[in-house]
Each structure stands twice: as C-alpha cells, then as structure tokens.
C-alpha cells in the first residue's frame, strides 16, 4: 500500500511518501482530523507555526493510539524569524505547543517573511541564521530532519554553500498546471526531496474537464490523478482535507499513469485560479508564537 511506502532523506531518515496537510484547519478541529487521518492510514502529518494549529496536531498525534515513532510529524519555522536566537527559541515553543519531545522534521517556511514574499529583497543572512538554529536543534535531537519550504534555487545554494548541513527537503507548490520543473530537477540533483503541497491546486484542478477525461481512463477522480502525477514525478505529495472519505480516496492510488498521459499532464497550462486561496501567502502578521520565541 502507498501509505506503507517511504523515501529516504539524505540523512538516512525515512519519510512516508504521502502526507496529510493541515493548512487552514483550526486548532480546535485538527486533532480529530489527525486521528481520522491516522485511522485512514496516514503516517505523516504536516503543520506549521503559521497555521496556529500545532497544539491540536500534537493532541491528535498523542491520542492517535499509535506509538510516537509511528507518525512522522513536520512543522515549519515562522517565515518572519530570520535571526538565530528567536529561531532557536521557537523550536522549543513548537515542542511545548505540541506536547512532543521532538519533531521529525522542521522547515524554514519561506525564504522571505510573508509580507515581503517574492518582493525581490534578499534575506540570505537571515536565512543562514535561521538555518544555523535548525542545525543546532537537529544536532541535539529536537529535530530529526531539517529542510526548507518555498525556497528557490538561489536560496538553497546559499544554505548549501554557507551552512553545515544541506537541506534535506524543499516543500513547494506543485500540481498539474503549475509544476516548477527546473526547480524540481535542481533539488533532485542535489539529493533534496521535493514535497508538493496543494497537489490539487487548492481545488482549482478539479474544475478541469480535460483532466476528468484522463482520470476516467483510470477509473479514478481528478484528485487521485493529481496526487499520482506528483508521485510519478518523484515528489512527496501533501494533500489536505478534513473529510475522512477524501482522506481514504487520496491514498487509493494503486494505478500508474502512462508515459503519454504524463507528458500530456506536464504540458497542461493554467489551473491556478485558487479562489479564496488566491491570497496566498496569507501569513502577513506576526503570530504569538513568534513573539513568545523572541
């Protein structure tokens, strides 16, 4: 089964090949979502300081009925933390919020603070400071693996050149109609696992009638086709849903997209009208966790 499959990070840590995202699921609701996900078969849960639901995710993990080491937990360092002291302190804040003695992976959520996302300003020095904090937390066992999210090639090269440990993961937006092939190829050439958040494009790809035709050939839904597409590109998809039926269907992927259909899917344009999610990135304000960490 897909949920039993893993890939191995450059550090030797094994990570389940599909994860359950929790963005925009409230702290009050997310514990049940995590438990439902575990019951459906997920063993990889993804959260972030910016999601404001780490407490609930931790509760869900602790009350899942499984041993702690059976669930791979990822969280992300707030994008605004670009100095060593506050970044290191925020690791402990996340652990306290979740009630866990370690997280399996922690990522720098963005190379720029959300208010400056892709605005052209360099935060190379700040990213190195935050990366050094993650490296040190990793050395003492608070974090088993470290990586980045939304980083472009130049941002990653900065860490590889100047850090002590290369990023093990880059978590990026990737789906049919919006697949950054050059960045994916670069990461994979450096031994960096690429995770695909929003593999169904915040639901936008579900509206594509052409994709429905291809999905019908395999007897699956568009969401399943989209997640399988990411897997066949060597990506680790992180579908997000609070619906237990969708959780189960999103990992019912016992089919293979043909080479010809993969080429067709790679050439799809559009599918980036994200509706309510179009405001991404949405984390322009500093959260309490960041203030606590300072």
Protein backbone atom coordinates (compact mmCIF):
# COMPACT_ATOMS: atom_id res chain seq x y z
CA UNK A 1 0.00 0.00 0.00
CA UNK A 2 1.10 3.56 -0.70
CA UNK A 3 0.88 4.55 2.97
CA UNK A 4 3.47 1.90 3.77
CA UNK A 5 5.98 3.28 1.23
CA UNK A 6 8.82 5.56 2.26
CA UNK A 7 11.62 7.53 0.70
CA UNK A 8 14.95 8.15 2.37
CA UNK A 9 16.32 11.62 3.05
CA UNK A 10 20.00 12.46 2.57
CA UNK A 11 20.49 11.98 6.32
CA UNK A 12 19.16 8.43 6.16
CA UNK A 13 15.82 9.30 7.81
CA UNK A 14 12.86 7.51 6.22
CA UNK A 15 9.77 9.59 5.46
CA UNK A 16 6.35 8.32 4.31
CA UNK A 17 5.77 9.03 0.60
CA UNK A 18 2.48 10.82 1.19
CA UNK A 19 1.46 13.17 3.98
CA UNK A 20 -1.65 14.86 5.32
CA UNK A 21 -1.63 18.66 5.20
CA UNK A 22 -3.40 20.74 7.86
CA UNK A 23 -3.28 24.29 6.48
CA UNK A 24 -6.46 26.28 7.29
CA UNK A 25 -7.77 23.58 9.65
CA UNK A 26 -8.46 25.19 13.04
CA UNK A 27 -6.64 24.24 16.21
CA UNK A 28 -9.95 23.10 17.69
CA UNK A 29 -10.78 20.80 14.76
CA UNK A 30 -7.38 19.48 13.77
CA UNK A 31 -6.88 16.84 16.50
CA UNK A 32 -9.84 14.87 15.15
CA UNK A 33 -8.56 15.36 11.60
CA UNK A 34 -5.20 13.90 12.61
CA UNK A 35 -6.86 10.93 14.30
CA UNK A 36 -9.09 10.38 11.25
CA UNK A 37 -6.02 10.56 9.04
CA UNK A 38 -4.16 8.02 11.12
CA UNK A 39 -7.19 5.71 11.02
CA UNK A 40 -7.28 6.10 7.22
CA UNK A 41 -3.62 5.06 7.04
CA UNK A 42 -1.60 8.31 7.03
CA UNK A 43 1.64 8.23 8.95
CA UNK A 44 2.92 11.69 8.02
CA UNK A 45 1.28 14.86 9.35
CA UNK A 46 2.32 18.34 8.20
CA UNK A 47 1.72 21.56 10.15
CA UNK A 48 3.44 24.93 10.73
CA UNK A 49 3.80 27.61 13.35
CA UNK A 50 1.90 29.93 10.99
CA UNK A 51 -1.10 27.58 10.83
CA UNK A 52 -1.88 28.25 14.50
CA UNK A 53 -2.84 24.60 14.99
CA UNK A 54 0.30 22.95 16.35
CA UNK A 55 -1.36 22.33 19.73
CA UNK A 56 -4.22 20.43 18.11
CA UNK A 57 -1.89 18.49 15.80
CA UNK A 58 0.14 17.39 18.81
CA UNK A 59 -3.01 16.34 20.62
CA UNK A 60 -4.09 14.31 17.61
CA UNK A 61 -0.72 12.58 17.42
CA UNK A 62 -0.65 11.83 21.14
CA UNK A 63 -4.22 10.46 21.15
CA UNK A 64 -3.98 8.56 17.86
CA UNK A 65 -3.47 5.20 19.51
CA UNK A 66 -0.11 4.74 17.79
CA UNK A 67 3.36 4.95 19.26
CA UNK A 68 5.04 8.32 18.76
CA UNK A 69 7.66 6.88 16.40
CA UNK A 70 4.93 5.51 14.12
CA UNK A 71 3.94 9.03 12.98
CA UNK A 72 6.23 11.41 11.10
CA UNK A 73 5.45 14.97 12.22
CA UNK A 74 6.60 18.02 10.25
CA UNK A 75 6.28 21.63 11.34
CA UNK A 76 7.69 24.86 9.92
CA UNK A 77 9.59 27.77 11.38
CA UNK A 78 7.66 31.03 11.00
CA UNK A 79 8.79 32.90 7.90
CA UNK A 80 9.43 36.09 9.89
CA UNK A 81 12.11 34.53 12.09
CA UNK A 82 15.41 35.47 10.47
CA UNK A 83 17.74 35.55 13.47
CA UNK A 84 19.38 32.73 15.39
CA UNK A 85 18.11 33.46 18.89
CA UNK A 86 14.40 33.71 18.11
CA UNK A 87 14.51 30.84 15.62
CA UNK A 88 16.17 28.52 18.14
CA UNK A 89 13.75 29.53 20.90
CA UNK A 90 10.77 28.94 18.62
CA UNK A 91 11.75 25.28 18.21
CA UNK A 92 11.07 24.80 21.91
CA UNK A 93 7.83 26.78 21.61
CA UNK A 94 6.62 24.37 18.92
CA UNK A 95 7.57 21.34 21.02
CA UNK A 96 5.68 22.76 24.00
CA UNK A 97 2.67 23.60 21.85
CA UNK A 98 2.51 20.05 20.50
CA UNK A 99 3.43 18.31 23.73
CA UNK A 100 6.16 16.34 21.94
CA UNK A 101 9.79 15.82 22.88
CA UNK A 102 10.88 16.06 19.24
CA UNK A 103 9.54 16.69 15.76
CA UNK A 104 10.59 14.53 12.86
CA UNK A 105 11.21 17.47 10.55
CA UNK A 106 11.23 21.24 10.70
CA UNK A 107 11.40 23.54 7.68
CA UNK A 108 12.03 27.24 7.22
CA UNK A 109 8.59 28.17 5.91
CA UNK A 110 9.71 30.78 3.40
CA UNK A 111 12.94 32.50 2.31
CA UNK A 112 11.22 35.84 2.89
CA UNK A 113 8.80 37.00 5.58
CA UNK A 114 5.29 36.68 4.15
CA UNK A 115 4.86 40.46 3.92
CA UNK A 116 7.92 40.51 1.62
CA UNK A 117 7.27 37.23 -0.22
CA UNK A 118 8.89 37.25 -3.68
CA UNK A 119 9.31 41.04 -3.46
CA UNK A 120 12.95 40.87 -4.56
CA UNK A 121 14.63 41.59 -1.23
CA UNK A 122 17.39 39.21 -0.17
CA UNK A 123 17.25 37.57 3.25
CA UNK A 124 20.33 35.39 2.74
CA UNK A 125 21.94 36.35 6.04
CA UNK A 126 18.70 35.89 7.98
CA UNK A 127 18.06 32.53 6.36
CA UNK A 128 21.55 31.40 7.37
CA UNK A 129 20.85 32.47 10.95
CA UNK A 130 17.56 30.55 10.99
CA UNK A 131 19.24 27.58 9.32
CA UNK A 132 22.01 27.55 11.93
CA UNK A 133 19.32 27.40 14.61
CA UNK A 134 17.71 24.40 12.94
CA UNK A 135 21.12 22.75 12.52
CA UNK A 136 21.80 23.12 16.25
CA UNK A 137 18.35 21.83 17.23
CA UNK A 138 18.95 18.90 14.88
CA UNK A 139 22.31 18.12 16.49
CA UNK A 140 20.73 17.73 19.94
CA UNK A 141 17.84 15.59 18.70
CA UNK A 142 14.96 18.03 18.97
CA UNK A 143 14.51 17.73 15.19
CA UNK A 144 15.30 14.55 13.25
CA UNK A 145 15.47 16.20 9.81
CA UNK A 146 15.65 19.79 8.58
CA UNK A 147 14.68 21.48 5.34
CA UNK A 148 13.03 24.44 3.68
CA UNK A 149 9.79 25.44 2.03
CA UNK A 150 9.11 27.78 -0.90
CA UNK A 151 12.86 28.17 -1.46
CA UNK A 152 14.14 28.87 -4.96
CA UNK A 153 17.47 27.70 -6.30
CA UNK A 154 19.48 30.74 -5.17
CA UNK A 155 18.02 30.46 -1.65
CA UNK A 156 19.03 26.81 -1.45
CA UNK A 157 22.51 27.44 -2.85
CA UNK A 158 23.05 29.98 -0.07
CA UNK A 159 22.43 27.30 2.57
CA UNK A 160 24.42 24.60 0.78
CA UNK A 161 27.42 26.91 0.35
CA UNK A 162 27.40 28.50 3.78
CA UNK A 163 25.64 26.03 6.07
CA UNK A 164 26.97 22.88 7.68
CA UNK A 165 24.14 20.61 6.50
CA UNK A 166 22.35 20.78 3.14
CA UNK A 167 18.55 20.99 3.21
CA UNK A 168 17.01 17.53 3.15
CA UNK A 169 13.62 18.68 1.79
CA UNK A 170 12.15 21.59 -0.16
CA UNK A 171 8.37 21.81 0.19
CA UNK A 172 6.85 23.75 -2.72
CA UNK A 173 3.59 24.41 -4.50
CA UNK A 174 3.41 21.86 -7.33
CA UNK A 175 0.44 20.48 -9.18
CA UNK A 176 -0.86 19.81 -12.68
CA UNK A 177 -0.81 23.15 -14.49
CA UNK A 178 1.82 24.64 -12.17
CA UNK A 179 4.89 22.43 -11.90
CA UNK A 180 8.28 24.17 -11.48
CA UNK A 181 10.29 21.55 -13.36
CA UNK A 182 13.62 23.42 -13.29
CA UNK A 183 13.49 23.82 -9.51
CA UNK A 184 12.43 20.20 -9.04
CA UNK A 185 15.27 18.97 -11.26
CA UNK A 186 17.79 21.09 -9.38
CA UNK A 187 16.63 19.88 -5.96
CA UNK A 188 16.62 16.26 -7.01
CA UNK A 189 20.11 16.62 -8.49
CA UNK A 190 21.28 17.83 -5.07
CA UNK A 191 19.65 14.93 -3.24
CA UNK A 192 16.89 17.14 -1.84
CA UNK A 193 13.46 15.51 -1.60
CA UNK A 194 10.74 17.74 -3.06
CA UNK A 195 7.41 17.78 -1.27
CA UNK A 196 4.35 19.03 -3.17
CA UNK A 197 1.85 20.96 -1.10
CA UNK A 198 -1.59 21.60 -2.58
CA UNK A 199 -1.20 18.80 -5.16
CA UNK A 200 -4.76 19.52 -6.30
CA UNK A 201 -4.05 23.25 -6.58
CA UNK A 202 -6.32 24.30 -3.71
CA UNK A 203 -9.10 22.52 -5.64
CA UNK A 204 -8.57 24.52 -8.84
CA UNK A 205 -7.58 21.48 -10.95
CA UNK A 206 -10.82 19.72 -10.02
CA UNK A 207 -12.64 22.08 -12.38
CA UNK A 208 -10.63 20.99 -15.44
CA UNK A 209 -12.84 18.94 -17.78
CA UNK A 210 -9.83 17.68 -19.75
CA UNK A 211 -8.36 16.20 -16.59
CA UNK A 212 -11.67 14.50 -15.88
CA UNK A 213 -11.36 12.65 -19.17
CA UNK A 214 -7.90 11.38 -18.34
CA UNK A 215 -8.93 10.40 -14.80
CA UNK A 216 -11.89 8.44 -16.20
CA UNK A 217 -9.47 6.28 -18.20
CA UNK A 218 -8.03 5.02 -14.92
CA UNK A 219 -11.30 4.83 -13.05
CA UNK A 220 -10.23 7.48 -10.54
CA UNK A 221 -11.09 11.05 -9.63
CA UNK A 222 -9.15 14.16 -10.64
CA UNK A 223 -7.72 14.47 -7.12
CA UNK A 224 -6.33 10.94 -7.29
CA UNK A 225 -4.90 11.61 -10.75
CA UNK A 226 -3.25 14.80 -9.47
CA UNK A 227 -1.67 13.15 -6.46
CA UNK A 228 -0.45 10.22 -8.56
CA UNK A 229 1.06 12.71 -11.04
CA UNK A 230 3.17 14.18 -8.24
CA UNK A 231 4.29 10.75 -7.10
CA UNK A 232 5.39 9.78 -10.60
CA UNK A 233 7.48 12.95 -10.80
CA UNK A 234 9.29 11.72 -7.70
CA UNK A 235 7.57 14.25 -5.44
CA UNK A 236 6.10 13.66 -2.00
CA UNK A 237 2.51 14.98 -2.09
CA UNK A 238 0.74 16.53 0.90
CA UNK A 239 -2.99 16.56 0.13
CA UNK A 240 -5.06 18.50 2.64
CA UNK A 241 -8.59 17.53 3.64
CA UNK A 242 -10.70 17.24 6.77
CA UNK A 243 -13.07 14.77 5.11
CA UNK A 244 -12.34 11.12 6.06
CA UNK A 245 -13.76 9.84 2.74
CA UNK A 246 -11.44 12.13 0.81
CA UNK A 247 -8.53 11.09 3.04
CA UNK A 248 -9.07 7.49 2.02
CA UNK A 249 -9.53 8.19 -1.68
CA UNK A 250 -6.46 10.43 -1.77
CA UNK A 251 -4.26 7.46 -0.90
CA UNK A 252 -6.14 4.94 -3.06
CA UNK A 253 -3.54 5.27 -5.81
CA UNK A 254 -2.96 1.73 -6.97
CA UNK A 255 -2.68 2.69 -10.64
CA UNK A 256 0.01 4.09 -12.91
CA UNK A 257 -0.36 6.99 -15.33
CA UNK A 258 1.02 6.08 -18.74
CA UNK A 259 4.07 7.84 -20.13
CA UNK A 260 1.97 9.50 -22.84
CA UNK A 261 -0.57 10.77 -20.32
CA UNK A 262 2.21 12.06 -18.05
CA UNK A 263 3.55 14.11 -20.96
CA UNK A 264 0.06 15.48 -21.56
CA UNK A 265 -0.30 16.39 -17.88
CA UNK A 266 3.12 18.05 -17.79
CA UNK A 267 2.02 20.31 -20.66
CA UNK A 268 -1.23 21.46 -19.01
CA UNK A 269 -1.38 25.21 -18.60
CA UNK A 270 -3.45 27.14 -16.06
CA UNK A 271 -5.32 25.65 -13.14
CA UNK A 272 -4.05 28.41 -10.88
CA UNK A 273 -7.29 30.24 -10.14
CA UNK A 274 -7.28 29.39 -6.46
CA UNK A 275 -10.41 31.27 -5.44
CA UNK A 276 -10.33 32.02 -1.72
CA UNK A 277 -6.78 30.66 -1.55
CA UNK A 278 -5.55 33.19 -4.13
CA UNK A 279 -4.37 35.46 -1.31
CA UNK A 280 -1.54 33.00 -0.59
CA UNK A 281 0.75 33.65 1.14
CA UNK A 282 -1.71 34.66 3.81
CA UNK A 283 0.55 34.96 6.82
CA UNK A 284 1.48 38.63 6.80
CA UNK A 285 1.05 39.14 10.55
CA UNK A 286 3.38 38.03 13.30
CA UNK A 287 1.90 35.27 15.38
CA UNK A 288 2.04 34.94 19.15
CA UNK A 289 4.40 32.00 18.80
CA UNK A 290 6.95 34.29 17.17
CA UNK A 291 6.59 36.89 19.90
CA UNK A 292 7.00 34.18 22.53
CA UNK A 293 10.11 32.95 20.77
CA UNK A 294 11.72 36.40 20.71
